[in-house]
C-alpha atoms as a PDB file:
ATOM      1  CA  MET A   1     -23.643-152.229  32.446  1.00  0.00           C
ATOM      2  CA  ASN A   2     -20.795-151.430  30.085  1.00  0.00           C
ATOM      3  CA  THR A   3     -18.064-149.667  32.097  1.00  0.00           C
ATOM      4  CA  GLU A   4     -17.445-147.035  29.423  1.00  0.00           C
ATOM      5  CA  LEU A   5     -21.164-146.257  29.222  1.00  0.00           C
ATOM      6  CA  ARG A   6     -21.371-145.913  32.999  1.00  0.00           C
ATOM      7  CA  LYS A   7     -18.526-143.357  32.944  1.00  0.00           C
ATOM      8  CA  ILE A   8     -20.218-141.363  30.173  1.00  0.00           C
ATOM      9  CA  LEU A   9     -23.564-141.299  31.972  1.00  0.00           C
ATOM     10  CA  GLU A  10     -22.053-140.356  35.331  1.00  0.00           C
ATOM     11  CA  LYS A  11     -20.164-137.524  33.630  1.00  0.00           C
ATOM     12  CA  GLN A  12     -23.546-136.345  32.335  1.00  0.00           C
ATOM     13  CA  HIS A  13     -24.841-136.323  35.950  1.00  0.00           C
ATOM     14  CA  TYR A  14     -26.878-139.522  35.826  1.00  0.00           C
ATOM     15  CA  ALA A  15     -26.950-141.538  39.029  1.00  0.00           C
ATOM     16  CA  ILE A  16     -26.748-145.216  38.096  1.00  0.00           C
ATOM     17  CA  VAL A  17     -29.072-147.463  40.071  1.00  0.00           C
ATOM     18  CA  GLY A  18     -28.285-151.165  40.178  1.00  0.00           C
ATOM     19  CA  GLU A  19     -27.455-152.802  36.883  1.00  0.00           C
ATOM     20  CA  HIS A  20     -29.810-151.040  34.471  1.00  0.00           C
ATOM     21  CA  SER A  21     -31.712-148.137  36.065  1.00  0.00           C
ATOM     22  CA  GLY A  22     -30.919-144.479  36.459  1.00  0.00           C
ATOM     23  CA  VAL A  23     -31.935-141.129  37.946  1.00  0.00           C
ATOM     24  CA  LYS A  24     -31.210-137.621  36.753  1.00  0.00           C
ATOM     25  CA  LEU A  25     -32.402-134.328  38.183  1.00  0.00           C
ATOM     26  CA  CYS A  26     -34.848-132.595  35.927  1.00  0.00           C
ATOM     27  CA  HIS A  27     -34.088-129.009  34.885  1.00  0.00           C
ATOM     28  CA  TRP A  28     -37.306-128.019  36.620  1.00  0.00           C
ATOM     29  CA  MET A  29     -36.197-129.460  39.955  1.00  0.00           C
ATOM     30  CA  ARG A  30     -33.494-126.797  40.095  1.00  0.00           C
ATOM     31  CA  GLN A  31     -35.851-124.109  38.825  1.00  0.00           C
ATOM     32  CA  SER A  32     -38.408-124.978  41.487  1.00  0.00           C
ATOM     33  CA  LEU A  33     -35.955-125.107  44.400  1.00  0.00           C
ATOM     34  CA  LEU A  34     -34.010-121.962  43.521  1.00  0.00           C
ATOM     35  CA  PHE A  35     -36.410-119.744  41.593  1.00  0.00           C
ATOM     36  CA  ASN A  36     -39.909-121.009  42.451  1.00  0.00           C
ATOM     37  CA  ARG A  37     -40.628-121.808  38.792  1.00  0.00           C
ATOM     38  CA  GLU A  38     -42.760-124.825  37.904  1.00  0.00           C
ATOM     39  CA  CYS A  39     -42.608-127.285  35.033  1.00  0.00           C
ATOM     40  CA  TYR A  40     -45.468-127.726  32.608  1.00  0.00           C
ATOM     41  CA  LYS A  41     -46.545-130.960  34.308  1.00  0.00           C
ATOM     42  CA  GLN A  42     -47.240-128.970  37.460  1.00  0.00           C
ATOM     43  CA  THR A  43     -49.131-126.333  35.487  1.00  0.00           C
ATOM     44  CA  PHE A  44     -51.118-128.891  33.498  1.00  0.00           C
ATOM     45  CA  TYR A  45     -51.590-131.763  35.967  1.00  0.00           C
ATOM     46  CA  GLY A  46     -50.933-130.454  39.465  1.00  0.00           C
ATOM     47  CA  ILE A  47     -47.822-132.506  40.304  1.00  0.00           C
ATOM     48  CA  GLU A  48     -45.097-130.722  42.301  1.00  0.00           C
ATOM     49  CA  SER A  49     -41.906-130.162  40.311  1.00  0.00           C
ATOM     50  CA  HIS A  50     -39.616-130.336  43.334  1.00  0.00           C
ATOM     51  CA  ARG A  51     -41.074-133.682  44.487  1.00  0.00           C
ATOM     52  CA  CYS A  52     -40.761-135.440  41.137  1.00  0.00           C
ATOM     53  CA  LEU A  53     -38.365-138.371  40.739  1.00  0.00           C
ATOM     54  CA  GLN A  54     -37.215-138.487  37.119  1.00  0.00           C
ATOM     55  CA  MET A  55     -35.943-142.002  36.487  1.00  0.00           C
ATOM     56  CA  THR A  56     -35.850-145.008  34.202  1.00  0.00           C
ATOM     57  CA  PRO A  57     -35.687-148.747  34.902  1.00  0.00           C
ATOM     58  CA  VAL A  58     -33.872-149.269  31.578  1.00  0.00           C
ATOM     59  CA  ILE A  59     -31.228-146.646  31.014  1.00  0.00           C
ATOM     60  CA  ASN A  60     -29.695-148.351  27.977  1.00  0.00           C
ATOM     61  CA  GLN A  61     -32.441-150.539  26.514  1.00  0.00           C
ATOM     62  CA  CYS A  62     -34.596-149.133  23.728  1.00  0.00           C
ATOM     63  CA  THR A  63     -36.277-150.124  20.482  1.00  0.00           C
ATOM     64  CA  GLN A  64     -35.515-146.826  18.736  1.00  0.00           C
ATOM     65  CA  MET A  65     -32.607-144.431  18.285  1.00  0.00           C
ATOM     66  CA  CYS A  66     -34.592-141.233  17.783  1.00  0.00           C
ATOM     67  CA  LEU A  67     -32.589-138.410  16.231  1.00  0.00           C
ATOM     68  CA  PHE A  68     -34.054-135.856  18.652  1.00  0.00           C
ATOM     69  CA  CYS A  69     -33.369-137.915  21.794  1.00  0.00           C
ATOM     70  CA  TRP A  70     -31.197-136.128  24.360  1.00  0.00           C
ATOM     71  CA  ARG A  71     -29.430-139.266  25.570  1.00  0.00           C
ATOM     72  CA  HIS A  72     -26.170-140.961  24.639  1.00  0.00           C
ATOM     73  CA  GLN A  73     -27.016-143.797  22.230  1.00  0.00           C
ATOM     74  CA  ASP A  74     -23.791-145.528  21.255  1.00  0.00           C
ATOM     75  CA  PHE A  75     -24.447-148.572  23.459  1.00  0.00           C
ATOM     76  CA  THR A  76     -28.209-149.030  23.006  1.00  0.00           C
ATOM     77  CA  GLU A  77     -29.490-152.572  23.648  1.00  0.00           C
ATOM     78  CA  LYS A  78     -32.887-153.902  22.566  1.00  0.00           C
ATOM     79  CA  TYR A  79     -33.479-156.282  25.475  1.00  0.00           C
ATOM     80  CA  LEU A  80     -32.914-156.659  29.208  1.00  0.00           C
ATOM     81  CA  GLU A  81     -31.664-160.146  30.054  1.00  0.00           C
ATOM     82  CA  LYS A  82     -31.145-159.854  33.836  1.00  0.00           C
ATOM     83  CA  PHE A  83     -33.048-157.404  35.979  1.00  0.00           C
ATOM     84  CA  ASP A  84     -33.145-155.943  39.475  1.00  0.00           C
ATOM     85  CA  ASP A  85     -35.995-156.180  41.966  1.00  0.00           C
ATOM     86  CA  PRO A  86     -38.633-153.367  41.741  1.00  0.00           C
ATOM     87  CA  LYS A  87     -38.438-152.441  45.434  1.00  0.00           C
ATOM     88  CA  TYR A  88     -34.647-152.277  45.238  1.00  0.00           C
ATOM     89  CA  ILE A  89     -34.847-149.964  42.201  1.00  0.00           C
ATOM     90  CA  LEU A  90     -37.308-147.601  43.891  1.00  0.00           C
ATOM     91  CA  ASP A  91     -35.402-147.513  47.183  1.00  0.00           C
ATOM     92  CA  LYS A  92     -32.076-146.857  45.487  1.00  0.00           C
ATOM     93  CA  ALA A  93     -33.588-144.324  43.056  1.00  0.00           C
ATOM     94  CA  ILE A  94     -34.915-142.272  45.975  1.00  0.00           C
ATOM     95  CA  GLU A  95     -31.532-142.516  47.705  1.00  0.00           C
ATOM     96  CA  ALA A  96     -29.833-141.366  44.503  1.00  0.00           C
ATOM     97  CA  GLN A  97     -32.168-138.392  44.162  1.00  0.00           C
ATOM     98  CA  ARG A  98     -31.432-137.363  47.765  1.00  0.00           C
ATOM     99  CA  ARG A  99     -27.699-137.422  47.031  1.00  0.00           C
ATOM    100  CA  LEU A 100     -28.166-135.380  43.862  1.00  0.00           C
ATOM    101  CA  ILE A 101     -30.067-132.588  45.631  1.00  0.00           C
ATOM    102  CA  THR A 102     -27.744-132.407  48.671  1.00  0.00           C
ATOM    103  CA  GLY A 103     -25.849-129.368  47.383  1.00  0.00           C
ATOM    104  CA  PHE A 104     -28.969-127.260  46.926  1.00  0.00           C
ATOM    105  CA  LYS A 105     -29.456-126.964  50.684  1.00  0.00           C
ATOM    106  CA  GLY A 106     -26.419-124.698  51.042  1.00  0.00           C
ATOM    107  CA  ASP A 107     -27.532-122.345  48.269  1.00  0.00           C
ATOM    108  CA  ALA A 108     -28.960-119.111  49.715  1.00  0.00           C
ATOM    109  CA  ARG A 109     -31.574-119.080  46.948  1.00  0.00           C
ATOM    110  CA  CYS A 110     -32.950-122.501  47.906  1.00  0.00           C
ATOM    111  CA  ASP A 111     -36.399-122.744  49.477  1.00  0.00           C
ATOM    112  CA  GLN A 112     -35.597-124.856  52.539  1.00  0.00           C
ATOM    113  CA  THR A 113     -39.165-126.078  52.956  1.00  0.00           C
ATOM    114  CA  LYS A 114     -39.195-127.278  49.363  1.00  0.00           C
ATOM    115  CA  TRP A 115     -35.772-128.870  49.803  1.00  0.00           C
ATOM    116  CA  GLY A 116     -37.080-130.899  52.735  1.00  0.00           C
ATOM    117  CA  GLU A 117     -40.090-132.004  50.663  1.00  0.00           C
ATOM    118  CA  ALA A 118     -37.832-132.846  47.712  1.00  0.00           C
ATOM    119  CA  ASN A 119     -36.167-135.473  49.877  1.00  0.00           C
ATOM    120  CA  GLU A 120     -39.516-137.271  50.001  1.00  0.00           C
ATOM    121  CA  PRO A 121     -40.594-137.503  46.341  1.00  0.00           C
ATOM    122  CA  ASN A 122     -44.277-138.257  45.760  1.00  0.00           C
ATOM    123  CA  MET A 123     -44.200-138.456  41.975  1.00  0.00           C
ATOM    124  CA  VAL A 124     -42.303-140.870  39.696  1.00  0.00           C
ATOM    125  CA  ALA A 125     -41.761-139.873  36.075  1.00  0.00           C
ATOM    126  CA  CYS A 126     -40.746-143.124  34.425  1.00  0.00           C
ATOM    127  CA  SER A 127     -39.388-141.526  31.294  1.00  0.00           C
ATOM    128  CA  LEU A 128     -35.762-140.475  31.566  1.00  0.00           C
ATOM    129  CA  SER A 129     -34.127-142.793  29.047  1.00  0.00           C
ATOM    130  CA  GLY A 130     -34.669-146.032  27.149  1.00  0.00           C
ATOM    131  CA  GLU A 131     -38.059-147.745  26.718  1.00  0.00           C
ATOM    132  CA  PRO A 132     -39.426-148.446  30.238  1.00  0.00           C
ATOM    133  CA  THR A 133     -41.805-151.220  29.115  1.00  0.00           C
ATOM    134  CA  LEU A 134     -38.743-153.393  28.401  1.00  0.00           C
ATOM    135  CA  TYR A 135     -38.369-153.829  32.180  1.00  0.00           C
ATOM    136  CA  PRO A 136     -40.287-157.087  32.814  1.00  0.00           C
ATOM    137  CA  LYS A 137     -41.437-156.113  36.330  1.00  0.00           C
ATOM    138  CA  LEU A 138     -42.747-152.666  35.508  1.00  0.00           C
ATOM    139  CA  GLY A 139     -46.195-153.463  36.944  1.00  0.00           C
ATOM    140  CA  ASP A 140     -44.625-154.562  40.230  1.00  0.00           C
ATOM    141  CA  PHE A 141     -42.596-151.360  40.232  1.00  0.00           C
ATOM    142  CA  PHE A 142     -45.737-149.230  39.865  1.00  0.00           C
ATOM    143  CA  GLU A 143     -47.453-151.274  42.578  1.00  0.00           C
ATOM    144  CA  GLU A 144     -44.561-150.468  44.929  1.00  0.00           C
ATOM    145  CA  CYS A 145     -44.839-146.771  44.036  1.00  0.00           C
ATOM    146  CA  HIS A 146     -48.596-146.756  44.645  1.00  0.00           C
ATOM    147  CA  LYS A 147     -48.178-148.498  48.012  1.00  0.00           C
ATOM    148  CA  ARG A 148     -46.088-145.508  49.068  1.00  0.00           C
ATOM    149  CA  GLY A 149     -48.684-143.019  47.866  1.00  0.00           C
ATOM    150  CA  MET A 150     -46.626-141.958  44.852  1.00  0.00           C
ATOM    151  CA  THR A 151     -48.173-140.755  41.604  1.00  0.00           C
ATOM    152  CA  THR A 152     -46.788-142.483  38.500  1.00  0.00           C
ATOM    153  CA  PHE A 153     -46.318-141.232  34.950  1.00  0.00           C
ATOM    154  CA  LEU A 154     -45.086-143.584  32.224  1.00  0.00           C
ATOM    155  CA  VAL A 155     -43.775-142.391  28.873  1.00  0.00           C
ATOM    156  CA  THR A 156     -43.513-145.078  26.197  1.00  0.00           C
ATOM    157  CA  ASN A 157     -42.647-145.027  22.522  1.00  0.00           C
ATOM    158  CA  GLY A 158     -45.496-147.461  21.914  1.00  0.00           C
ATOM    159  CA  THR A 159     -43.457-150.256  20.358  1.00  0.00           C
ATOM    160  CA  ASN A 160     -44.272-152.784  23.084  1.00  0.00           C
ATOM    161  CA  PRO A 161     -48.095-153.109  23.096  1.00  0.00           C
ATOM    162  CA  GLU A 162     -47.956-156.579  24.636  1.00  0.00           C
ATOM    163  CA  ALA A 163     -46.350-155.159  27.790  1.00  0.00           C
ATOM    164  CA  LEU A 164     -48.953-152.397  28.061  1.00  0.00           C
ATOM    165  CA  LYS A 165     -51.795-154.858  27.557  1.00  0.00           C
ATOM    166  CA  ASN A 166     -50.569-156.962  30.469  1.00  0.00           C
ATOM    167  CA  LEU A 167     -49.368-154.122  32.705  1.00  0.00           C
ATOM    168  CA  ASP A 168     -50.938-154.342  36.156  1.00  0.00           C
ATOM    169  CA  PRO A 169     -51.298-151.942  37.768  1.00  0.00           C
ATOM    170  CA  LEU A 170     -51.214-149.252  35.148  1.00  0.00           C
ATOM    171  CA  PRO A 171     -49.534-145.922  35.883  1.00  0.00           C
ATOM    172  CA  LYS A 172     -51.745-143.030  36.962  1.00  0.00           C
ATOM    173  CA  GLN A 173     -51.031-141.356  33.636  1.00  0.00           C
ATOM    174  CA  LEU A 174     -49.806-143.034  30.462  1.00  0.00           C
ATOM    175  CA  TYR A 175     -48.042-141.105  27.721  1.00  0.00           C
ATOM    176  CA  VAL A 176     -47.472-142.521  24.239  1.00  0.00           C
ATOM    177  CA  SER A 177     -44.985-140.620  22.093  1.00  0.00           C
ATOM    178  CA  VAL A 178     -46.198-140.269  18.513  1.00  0.00           C
ATOM    179  CA  VAL A 179     -43.470-138.356  16.746  1.00  0.00           C
ATOM    180  CA  ALA A 180     -44.254-139.187  13.145  1.00  0.00           C
ATOM    181  CA  PRO A 181     -47.412-138.823  11.044  1.00  0.00           C
ATOM    182  CA  ASN A 182     -46.629-141.812   8.824  1.00  0.00           C
ATOM    183  CA  LYS A 183     -44.294-144.762   8.404  1.00  0.00           C
ATOM    184  CA  GLU A 184     -41.877-142.964   6.093  1.00  0.00           C
ATOM    185  CA  VAL A 185     -41.216-140.130   8.544  1.00  0.00           C
ATOM    186  CA  TYR A 186     -41.169-142.621  11.443  1.00  0.00           C
ATOM    187  CA  LYS A 187     -38.309-144.598   9.907  1.00  0.00           C
ATOM    188  CA  LYS A 188     -36.276-141.451   9.309  1.00  0.00           C
ATOM    189  CA  ILE A 189     -36.689-139.677  12.632  1.00  0.00           C
ATOM    190  CA  CYS A 190     -37.075-142.639  15.031  1.00  0.00           C
ATOM    191  CA  SER A 191     -34.460-144.953  13.495  1.00  0.00           C
ATOM    192  CA  PRO A 192     -36.225-148.075  14.836  1.00  0.00           C
ATOM    193  CA  LEU A 193     -34.097-151.028  15.924  1.00  0.00           C
ATOM    194  CA  ILE A 194     -36.996-153.420  15.293  1.00  0.00           C
ATOM    195  CA  SER A 195     -38.520-154.120  11.890  1.00  0.00           C
ATOM    196  CA  ASP A 196     -42.162-153.634  12.871  1.00  0.00           C
ATOM    197  CA  GLY A 197     -41.933-150.563  15.091  1.00  0.00           C
ATOM    198  CA  TRP A 198     -44.561-148.579  13.178  1.00  0.00           C
ATOM    199  CA  GLU A 199     -46.991-151.484  13.231  1.00  0.00           C
ATOM    200  CA  LYS A 200     -46.415-152.002  16.969  1.00  0.00           C
ATOM    201  CA  LEU A 201     -47.043-148.309  17.629  1.00  0.00           C
ATOM    202  CA  ASN A 202     -50.359-148.490  15.816  1.00  0.00           C
ATOM    203  CA  GLN A 203     -51.325-151.554  17.851  1.00  0.00           C
ATOM    204  CA  THR A 204     -50.646-149.510  20.983  1.00  0.00           C
ATOM    205  CA  LEU A 205     -52.826-146.660  19.737  1.00  0.00           C
ATOM    206  CA  GLU A 206     -55.657-149.122  19.093  1.00  0.00           C
ATOM    207  CA  LEU A 207     -55.190-150.541  22.600  1.00  0.00           C
ATOM    208  CA  LEU A 208     -55.245-147.190  24.411  1.00  0.00           C
ATOM    209  CA  PRO A 209     -59.036-146.659  24.644  1.00  0.00           C
ATOM    210  CA  SER A 210     -59.410-149.959  26.535  1.00  0.00           C
ATOM    211  CA  LEU A 211     -56.883-149.085  29.257  1.00  0.00           C
ATOM    212  CA  ASP A 212     -58.322-147.881  32.548  1.00  0.00           C
ATOM    213  CA  THR A 213     -56.047-144.903  33.151  1.00  0.00           C
ATOM    214  CA  ARG A 214     -55.561-141.335  31.982  1.00  0.00           C
ATOM    215  CA  THR A 215     -53.990-141.342  28.534  1.00  0.00           C
ATOM    216  CA  VAL A 216     -51.910-138.718  26.760  1.00  0.00           C
ATOM    217  CA  ILE A 217     -50.478-138.585  23.258  1.00  0.00           C
ATOM    218  CA  ARG A 218     -47.287-136.548  23.057  1.00  0.00           C
ATOM    219  CA  HIS A 219     -46.191-135.166  19.711  1.00  0.00           C
ATOM    220  CA  THR A 220     -42.545-134.084  19.935  1.00  0.00           C
ATOM    221  CA  LEU A 221     -42.293-131.543  17.136  1.00  0.00           C
ATOM    222  CA  VAL A 222     -39.037-131.092  15.233  1.00  0.00           C
ATOM    223  CA  GLN A 223     -38.841-128.244  12.758  1.00  0.00           C
ATOM    224  CA  GLY A 224     -38.016-129.468   9.269  1.00  0.00           C
ATOM    225  CA  TRP A 225     -38.804-133.095  10.148  1.00  0.00           C
ATOM    226  CA  ASN A 226     -42.296-133.856  11.415  1.00  0.00           C
ATOM    227  CA  MET A 227     -44.407-130.719  11.903  1.00  0.00           C
ATOM    228  CA  ASP A 228     -45.275-129.558   8.414  1.00  0.00           C
ATOM    229  CA  CYS A 229     -48.908-128.408   8.146  1.00  0.00           C
ATOM    230  CA  LYS A 230     -49.526-131.119   5.553  1.00  0.00           C
ATOM    231  CA  TYR A 231     -49.107-133.714   8.323  1.00  0.00           C
ATOM    232  CA  THR A 232     -51.884-132.418  10.572  1.00  0.00           C
ATOM    233  CA  LYS A 233     -54.587-134.682   9.165  1.00  0.00           C
ATOM    234  CA  GLU A 234     -52.332-137.732   9.395  1.00  0.00           C
ATOM    235  CA  TYR A 235     -51.595-137.011  13.060  1.00  0.00           C
ATOM    236  CA  ALA A 236     -55.324-136.515  13.629  1.00  0.00           C
ATOM    237  CA  LYS A 237     -56.075-139.990  12.244  1.00  0.00           C
ATOM    238  CA  LEU A 238     -53.563-141.542  14.635  1.00  0.00           C
ATOM    239  CA  ASP A 239     -54.947-139.559  17.565  1.00  0.00           C
ATOM    240  CA  GLU A 240     -58.529-140.545  16.714  1.00  0.00           C
ATOM    241  CA  LYS A 241     -57.464-144.171  16.900  1.00  0.00           C
ATOM    242  CA  ALA A 242     -56.058-143.660  20.405  1.00  0.00           C
ATOM    243  CA  SER A 243     -58.825-141.348  21.664  1.00  0.00           C
ATOM    244  CA  PRO A 244     -56.654-139.910  24.474  1.00  0.00           C
ATOM    245  CA  LEU A 245     -57.974-137.602  27.156  1.00  0.00           C
ATOM    246  CA  PHE A 246     -55.079-135.228  26.480  1.00  0.00           C
ATOM    247  CA  ILE A 247     -52.699-134.410  23.627  1.00  0.00           C
ATOM    248  CA  GLU A 248     -49.437-132.557  24.154  1.00  0.00           C
ATOM    249  CA  PRO A 249     -47.846-130.984  21.081  1.00  0.00           C
ATOM    250  CA  LYS A 250     -44.388-130.152  22.457  1.00  0.00           C
ATOM    251  CA  GLY A 251     -41.405-128.585  20.759  1.00  0.00           C
ATOM    252  CA  TYR A 252     -38.102-130.403  20.494  1.00  0.00           C
ATOM    253  CA  VAL A 253     -35.367-128.813  22.630  1.00  0.00           C
ATOM    254  CA  PHE A 254     -31.781-128.619  21.398  1.00  0.00           C
ATOM    255  CA  VAL A 255     -30.070-130.259  24.395  1.00  0.00           C
ATOM    256  CA  GLY A 256     -27.909-133.236  25.322  1.00  0.00           C
ATOM    257  CA  SER A 257     -26.609-135.657  22.748  1.00  0.00           C
ATOM    258  CA  SER A 258     -29.296-134.622  20.251  1.00  0.00           C
ATOM    259  CA  ARG A 259     -26.985-131.710  19.428  1.00  0.00           C
ATOM    260  CA  LYS A 260     -24.785-134.205  17.579  1.00  0.00           C
ATOM    261  CA  ARG A 261     -27.705-135.099  15.305  1.00  0.00           C
ATOM    262  CA  MET A 262     -29.836-131.963  15.110  1.00  0.00           C
ATOM    263  CA  ASN A 263     -29.358-128.234  14.618  1.00  0.00           C
ATOM    264  CA  LEU A 264     -30.640-125.281  16.611  1.00  0.00           C
ATOM    265  CA  SER A 265     -32.928-124.508  13.666  1.00  0.00           C
ATOM    266  CA  ASN A 266     -34.795-127.779  14.344  1.00  0.00           C
ATOM    267  CA  MET A 267     -36.161-126.326  17.601  1.00  0.00           C
ATOM    268  CA  PRO A 268     -39.557-124.755  16.901  1.00  0.00           C
ATOM    269  CA  SER A 269     -40.743-121.578  18.592  1.00  0.00           C
ATOM    270  CA  HIS A 270     -43.675-121.674  20.964  1.00  0.00           C
ATOM    271  CA  ASP A 271     -45.723-119.839  18.337  1.00  0.00           C
ATOM    272  CA  ASN A 272     -44.980-122.665  15.887  1.00  0.00           C
ATOM    273  CA  VAL A 273     -46.092-125.232  18.461  1.00  0.00           C
ATOM    274  CA  ARG A 274     -49.249-123.305  19.329  1.00  0.00           C
ATOM    275  CA  ASP A 275     -50.199-122.953  15.652  1.00  0.00           C
ATOM    276  CA  PHE A 276     -49.698-126.683  15.154  1.00  0.00           C
ATOM    277  CA  GLY A 277     -51.789-127.403  18.264  1.00  0.00           C
ATOM    278  CA  LYS A 278     -54.626-125.181  17.080  1.00  0.00           C
ATOM    279  CA  LYS A 279     -54.787-126.891  13.697  1.00  0.00           C
ATOM    280  CA  LEU A 280     -54.691-130.327  15.288  1.00  0.00           C
ATOM    281  CA  ALA A 281     -57.395-129.384  17.793  1.00  0.00           C
ATOM    282  CA  GLU A 282     -59.624-128.166  14.973  1.00  0.00           C
ATOM    283  CA  SER A 283     -59.136-131.424  13.052  1.00  0.00           C
ATOM    284  CA  LEU A 284     -60.026-133.525  16.102  1.00  0.00           C
ATOM    285  CA  GLY A 285     -62.703-131.433  17.790  1.00  0.00           C
ATOM    286  CA  TYR A 286     -60.463-131.043  20.854  1.00  0.00           C
ATOM    287  CA  GLU A 287     -59.930-127.818  22.793  1.00  0.00           C
ATOM    288  CA  LEU A 288     -56.602-126.104  23.354  1.00  0.00           C
ATOM    289  CA  THR A 289     -56.972-125.392  27.059  1.00  0.00           C
ATOM    290  CA  MET A 290     -53.504-124.470  28.375  1.00  0.00           C
ATOM    291  CA  GLU A 291     -49.998-123.586  27.248  1.00  0.00           C
ATOM    292  CA  LYS A 292     -46.537-123.180  28.779  1.00  0.00           C
ATOM    293  CA  PRO A 293     -44.362-121.004  26.524  1.00  0.00           C
ATOM    294  CA  ASP A 294     -41.114-121.662  28.424  1.00  0.00           C
ATOM    295  CA  SER A 295     -41.557-125.382  27.734  1.00  0.00           C
ATOM    296  CA  ARG A 296     -42.876-124.886  24.175  1.00  0.00           C
ATOM    297  CA  VAL A 297     -45.923-127.025  24.874  1.00  0.00           C
ATOM    298  CA  VAL A 298     -49.701-126.747  24.611  1.00  0.00           C
ATOM    299  CA  LEU A 299     -52.420-128.949  26.074  1.00  0.00           C
ATOM    300  CA  LEU A 300     -55.371-130.220  24.056  1.00  0.00           C
ATOM    301  CA  THR A 301     -58.226-132.142  25.633  1.00  0.00           C
ATOM    302  CA  SER A 302     -61.255-134.070  24.448  1.00  0.00           C
ATOM    303  CA  ASP A 303     -63.161-133.176  27.626  1.00  0.00           C
ATOM    304  CA  PRO A 304     -62.607-129.657  29.009  1.00  0.00           C
ATOM    305  CA  LYS A 305     -64.735-130.556  32.049  1.00  0.00           C
ATOM    306  CA  ALA A 306     -62.523-133.462  33.047  1.00  0.00           C
ATOM    307  CA  THR A 307     -60.135-132.749  35.893  1.00  0.00           C
ATOM    308  CA  ARG A 308     -56.553-132.132  34.802  1.00  0.00           C
ATOM    309  CA  ILE A 309     -55.205-132.891  38.266  1.00  0.00           C
ATOM    310  CA  VAL A 310     -53.676-136.323  38.713  1.00  0.00           C
ATOM    311  CA  LYS A 311     -54.682-138.131  41.912  1.00  0.00           C
END
């Protein structure tokens, strides 16, 4: 890893794992340990915020330079030439998380029972930075997680359908980020580093119904960029293609390095997100079943009777 990049990331409280992976404490880890507040994934899917390991196997490799992304992007690479062993990454990621939460134990507000549990994470959110499907041994990594009884979430930008098609095992829940209703908006807001990113994303959406795992489409909504009411029908066509169990319209948050590229006005209110979700649900025949105002997110589902809890 580039030495300058490593210094920047460590200053931003990333723990670097091996040559290309990383861990960073989620905002909701702190909220859970100190204030007993839960993230929307706990509300929606039953995972425990304080036992979630937020990590990435490719901290600096991505196929897009999205304007709303919170991460530092100056050194982005499109490929991973040499890579670490999956077991090594998981072991060291857990060790890194334990180091990062050490200081919470001495805080009088910290729930000591939760702190002890946080040292034994049972959930891996493979989503922190970069495009995780660029790690060639991602299936082996998930297999190692599952051997240890850990739940796995994968968030992908959908530009690597070949990797998803061959991924074995699949994560327990697979998110595909669809942040543009059409190719024109996609090019502007996602700044793809590959020429056929939009086409690859659509291939992924077509692939999704055949994958034997829980699927979610996430629409990151940026005011003034991709959430105009006129786009609702275009999003609905993309979602119909993917036929996900869940859809998460979620508001962009003005944090991290995105503040260099966006303005506070680009962050929609929860009411804006809910209105968008309602219109999208009506277009698709989905139901808006839950919401989490402090995360500016709503949950739509095609099957209200299906269990939301990840096992």
